[in-house]
Amino acid sequence: MILVVDDEHAIADTLSLILARAGYKSTATYSAAEALAAVANHRPDLIISDVMMPNMNGVDFAVQVCKLYPGVEILLISGHAGTKDLVEAAGSYCGHSLDLLTKPVLPEDMLSRVAEILRRISGV
């Protein structure tokens, strides 16, 4: 299962729909707090999260997930310069690098990265 996290409902819903049409089971959430509850209940294989969100940004969210659920993979999405350094720092805390896609995200780029991550974790 893939969990999508973005405070912009239209983006979260659209990314989830793209994933579903590509054959993946996905769920959209609209805040880091909502996503943490969903991770606790459903333990996704992959989380796709926006970085810039209110209350808890995607990098802090990724660190929380790494701490609580170390086997869950995370793909962060950001359109802001300088995010790469934050993601690298969070990845070092997690013990592995975090994946980052820059906005605007093209559906084929996201699907390619998702397939790559899921192949990596399945050992294929």
C-alpha atoms as a PDB file:
ATOM      1  CA  MET A   1       0.000   0.000   0.000  1.00  0.00           C
ATOM      2  CA  ILE A   2       1.187   3.528  -0.801  1.00  0.00           C
ATOM      3  CA  LEU A   3       0.230   6.421   1.449  1.00  0.00           C
ATOM      4  CA  VAL A   4       0.115   9.898  -0.112  1.00  0.00           C
ATOM      5  CA  VAL A   5       0.445  12.937   2.172  1.00  0.00           C
ATOM      6  CA  ASP A   6      -0.185  16.507   1.032  1.00  0.00           C
ATOM      7  CA  ASP A   7      -2.059  19.340   2.717  1.00  0.00           C
ATOM      8  CA  GLU A   8      -3.429  20.350  -0.678  1.00  0.00           C
ATOM      9  CA  HIS A   9      -6.331  17.920  -1.054  1.00  0.00           C
ATOM     10  CA  ALA A  10      -6.386  18.151  -4.850  1.00  0.00           C
ATOM     11  CA  ILE A  11      -2.727  17.164  -5.098  1.00  0.00           C
ATOM     12  CA  ALA A  12      -3.008  14.278  -2.630  1.00  0.00           C
ATOM     13  CA  ASP A  13      -6.145  12.982  -4.342  1.00  0.00           C
ATOM     14  CA  THR A  14      -4.627  13.333  -7.817  1.00  0.00           C
ATOM     15  CA  LEU A  15      -1.418  11.511  -6.892  1.00  0.00           C
ATOM     16  CA  SER A  16      -3.443   8.752  -5.242  1.00  0.00           C
ATOM     17  CA  LEU A  17      -5.623   8.455  -8.347  1.00  0.00           C
ATOM     18  CA  ILE A  18      -2.566   8.247 -10.632  1.00  0.00           C
ATOM     19  CA  LEU A  19      -1.175   5.460  -8.450  1.00  0.00           C
ATOM     20  CA  ALA A  20      -4.514   3.613  -8.415  1.00  0.00           C
ATOM     21  CA  ARG A  21      -4.814   3.808 -12.199  1.00  0.00           C
ATOM     22  CA  ALA A  22      -1.312   2.335 -12.448  1.00  0.00           C
ATOM     23  CA  GLY A  23      -2.455  -0.633 -10.353  1.00  0.00           C
ATOM     24  CA  TYR A  24      -1.191   0.386  -6.917  1.00  0.00           C
ATOM     25  CA  LYS A  25      -3.311   0.405  -3.786  1.00  0.00           C
ATOM     26  CA  SER A  26      -3.085   3.936  -2.414  1.00  0.00           C
ATOM     27  CA  THR A  27      -4.668   6.183   0.191  1.00  0.00           C
ATOM     28  CA  ALA A  28      -4.569   9.979   0.406  1.00  0.00           C
ATOM     29  CA  THR A  29      -4.122  11.873   3.679  1.00  0.00           C
ATOM     30  CA  TYR A  30      -4.008  15.617   4.174  1.00  0.00           C
ATOM     31  CA  SER A  31      -1.672  16.256   7.108  1.00  0.00           C
ATOM     32  CA  ALA A  32       1.323  14.690   8.794  1.00  0.00           C
ATOM     33  CA  ALA A  33      -0.781  13.922  11.894  1.00  0.00           C
ATOM     34  CA  GLU A  34      -3.427  12.138   9.818  1.00  0.00           C
ATOM     35  CA  ALA A  35      -0.683  10.257   7.971  1.00  0.00           C
ATOM     36  CA  LEU A  36       0.989   9.112  11.210  1.00  0.00           C
ATOM     37  CA  ALA A  37      -2.328   7.614  12.326  1.00  0.00           C
ATOM     38  CA  ALA A  38      -2.736   5.912   8.940  1.00  0.00           C
ATOM     39  CA  VAL A  39       0.801   4.482   9.123  1.00  0.00           C
ATOM     40  CA  ALA A  40       0.065   3.048  12.570  1.00  0.00           C
ATOM     41  CA  ASN A  41      -3.109   1.373  11.297  1.00  0.00           C
ATOM     42  CA  HIS A  42      -2.062   0.210   7.836  1.00  0.00           C
ATOM     43  CA  ARG A  43       1.772   0.115   7.706  1.00  0.00           C
ATOM     44  CA  PRO A  44       2.303   1.136   4.058  1.00  0.00           C
ATOM     45  CA  ASP A  45       5.201  -0.067   1.942  1.00  0.00           C
ATOM     46  CA  LEU A  46       5.843   3.458   0.710  1.00  0.00           C
ATOM     47  CA  ILE A  47       4.877   6.991   1.720  1.00  0.00           C
ATOM     48  CA  ILE A  48       4.858   9.839  -0.783  1.00  0.00           C
ATOM     49  CA  SER A  49       4.828  13.124   1.123  1.00  0.00           C
ATOM     50  CA  ASP A  50       4.978  16.792   0.327  1.00  0.00           C
ATOM     51  CA  VAL A  51       7.702  18.614   2.246  1.00  0.00           C
ATOM     52  CA  MET A  52       5.991  21.956   2.834  1.00  0.00           C
ATOM     53  CA  MET A  53       2.992  21.354   5.099  1.00  0.00           C
ATOM     54  CA  PRO A  54       1.657  23.267   8.110  1.00  0.00           C
ATOM     55  CA  ASN A  55       2.172  22.068  11.706  1.00  0.00           C
ATOM     56  CA  MET A  56       4.646  19.314  10.788  1.00  0.00           C
ATOM     57  CA  ASN A  57       6.617  19.506   7.565  1.00  0.00           C
ATOM     58  CA  GLY A  58       7.384  16.462   5.458  1.00  0.00           C
ATOM     59  CA  VAL A  59      10.997  16.211   6.611  1.00  0.00           C
ATOM     60  CA  ASP A  60      10.008  16.131  10.307  1.00  0.00           C
ATOM     61  CA  PHE A  61       7.254  13.680   9.389  1.00  0.00           C
ATOM     62  CA  ALA A  62       9.802  11.449   7.617  1.00  0.00           C
ATOM     63  CA  VAL A  63      12.050  11.466  10.698  1.00  0.00           C
ATOM     64  CA  GLN A  64       9.079  10.458  12.897  1.00  0.00           C
ATOM     65  CA  VAL A  65       8.191   7.618  10.526  1.00  0.00           C
ATOM     66  CA  CYS A  66      11.813   6.426  10.431  1.00  0.00           C
ATOM     67  CA  LYS A  67      11.917   6.419  14.218  1.00  0.00           C
ATOM     68  CA  LEU A  68       8.573   4.630  14.715  1.00  0.00           C
ATOM     69  CA  TYR A  69       8.446   2.412  11.594  1.00  0.00           C
ATOM     70  CA  PRO A  70      11.978   1.902  10.239  1.00  0.00           C
ATOM     71  CA  GLY A  71      10.933  -0.415   7.393  1.00  0.00           C
ATOM     72  CA  VAL A  72       8.667   2.099   5.664  1.00  0.00           C
ATOM     73  CA  GLU A  73      10.156   3.770   2.574  1.00  0.00           C
ATOM     74  CA  ILE A  74       9.586   7.494   2.007  1.00  0.00           C
ATOM     75  CA  LEU A  75       9.538   9.559  -1.178  1.00  0.00           C
ATOM     76  CA  LEU A  76       9.445  13.301  -0.509  1.00  0.00           C
ATOM     77  CA  ILE A  77       8.170  15.879  -2.989  1.00  0.00           C
ATOM     78  CA  SER A  78       9.180  19.530  -2.928  1.00  0.00           C
ATOM     79  CA  GLY A  79       9.290  22.553  -5.153  1.00  0.00           C
ATOM     80  CA  HIS A  80      11.493  24.601  -2.840  1.00  0.00           C
ATOM     81  CA  ALA A  81      15.202  25.190  -3.276  1.00  0.00           C
ATOM     82  CA  GLY A  82      17.288  24.072  -0.330  1.00  0.00           C
ATOM     83  CA  THR A  83      15.059  21.112   0.485  1.00  0.00           C
ATOM     84  CA  LYS A  84      17.700  18.677  -0.723  1.00  0.00           C
ATOM     85  CA  ASP A  85      19.971  19.525   2.241  1.00  0.00           C
ATOM     86  CA  LEU A  86      17.118  18.998   4.729  1.00  0.00           C
ATOM     87  CA  VAL A  87      16.226  15.671   3.115  1.00  0.00           C
ATOM     88  CA  GLU A  88      19.854  14.522   3.227  1.00  0.00           C
ATOM     89  CA  ALA A  89      20.081  15.441   6.921  1.00  0.00           C
ATOM     90  CA  ALA A  90      16.844  13.557   7.661  1.00  0.00           C
ATOM     91  CA  GLY A  91      18.116  10.585   5.689  1.00  0.00           C
ATOM     92  CA  SER A  92      21.261  10.399   7.776  1.00  0.00           C
ATOM     93  CA  TYR A  93      19.079  10.354  10.894  1.00  0.00           C
ATOM     94  CA  CYS A  94      16.997   7.555   9.383  1.00  0.00           C
ATOM     95  CA  GLY A  95      20.060   5.506   8.522  1.00  0.00           C
ATOM     96  CA  HIS A  96      19.328   5.461   4.791  1.00  0.00           C
ATOM     97  CA  SER A  97      18.843   8.057   2.120  1.00  0.00           C
ATOM     98  CA  LEU A  98      15.364   9.397   1.492  1.00  0.00           C
ATOM     99  CA  ASP A  99      14.134   9.773  -2.061  1.00  0.00           C
ATOM    100  CA  LEU A 100      13.240  13.253  -3.333  1.00  0.00           C
ATOM    101  CA  LEU A 101      11.245  14.353  -6.375  1.00  0.00           C
ATOM    102  CA  THR A 102      11.049  18.003  -7.345  1.00  0.00           C
ATOM    103  CA  LYS A 103       7.817  19.750  -8.265  1.00  0.00           C
ATOM    104  CA  PRO A 104       6.189  19.906 -10.642  1.00  0.00           C
ATOM    105  CA  VAL A 105       5.968  16.130 -10.566  1.00  0.00           C
ATOM    106  CA  LEU A 106       5.213  14.441 -13.853  1.00  0.00           C
ATOM    107  CA  PRO A 107       3.078  11.304 -13.422  1.00  0.00           C
ATOM    108  CA  GLU A 108       5.521   9.146 -15.392  1.00  0.00           C
ATOM    109  CA  ASP A 109       8.442  10.327 -13.231  1.00  0.00           C
ATOM    110  CA  MET A 110       6.557   9.535 -10.037  1.00  0.00           C
ATOM    111  CA  LEU A 111       5.448   6.113 -11.288  1.00  0.00           C
ATOM    112  CA  SER A 112       8.977   5.293 -12.413  1.00  0.00           C
ATOM    113  CA  ARG A 113      10.400   6.248  -9.011  1.00  0.00           C
ATOM    114  CA  VAL A 114       7.665   4.326  -7.187  1.00  0.00           C
ATOM    115  CA  ALA A 115       8.362   1.202  -9.245  1.00  0.00           C
ATOM    116  CA  GLU A 116      12.094   1.573  -8.571  1.00  0.00           C
ATOM    117  CA  ILE A 117      11.581   1.912  -4.798  1.00  0.00           C
ATOM    118  CA  LEU A 118       9.151  -1.018  -4.620  1.00  0.00           C
ATOM    119  CA  ARG A 119      11.549  -3.212  -6.653  1.00  0.00           C
ATOM    120  CA  ARG A 120      14.362  -2.255  -4.298  1.00  0.00           C
ATOM    121  CA  ILE A 121      12.411  -3.175  -1.165  1.00  0.00           C
ATOM    122  CA  SER A 122      11.105  -6.418  -2.651  1.00  0.00           C
ATOM    123  CA  GLY A 123      14.634  -7.444  -3.644  1.00  0.00           C
ATOM    124  CA  VAL A 124      13.765  -7.917  -7.323  1.00  0.00           C
END
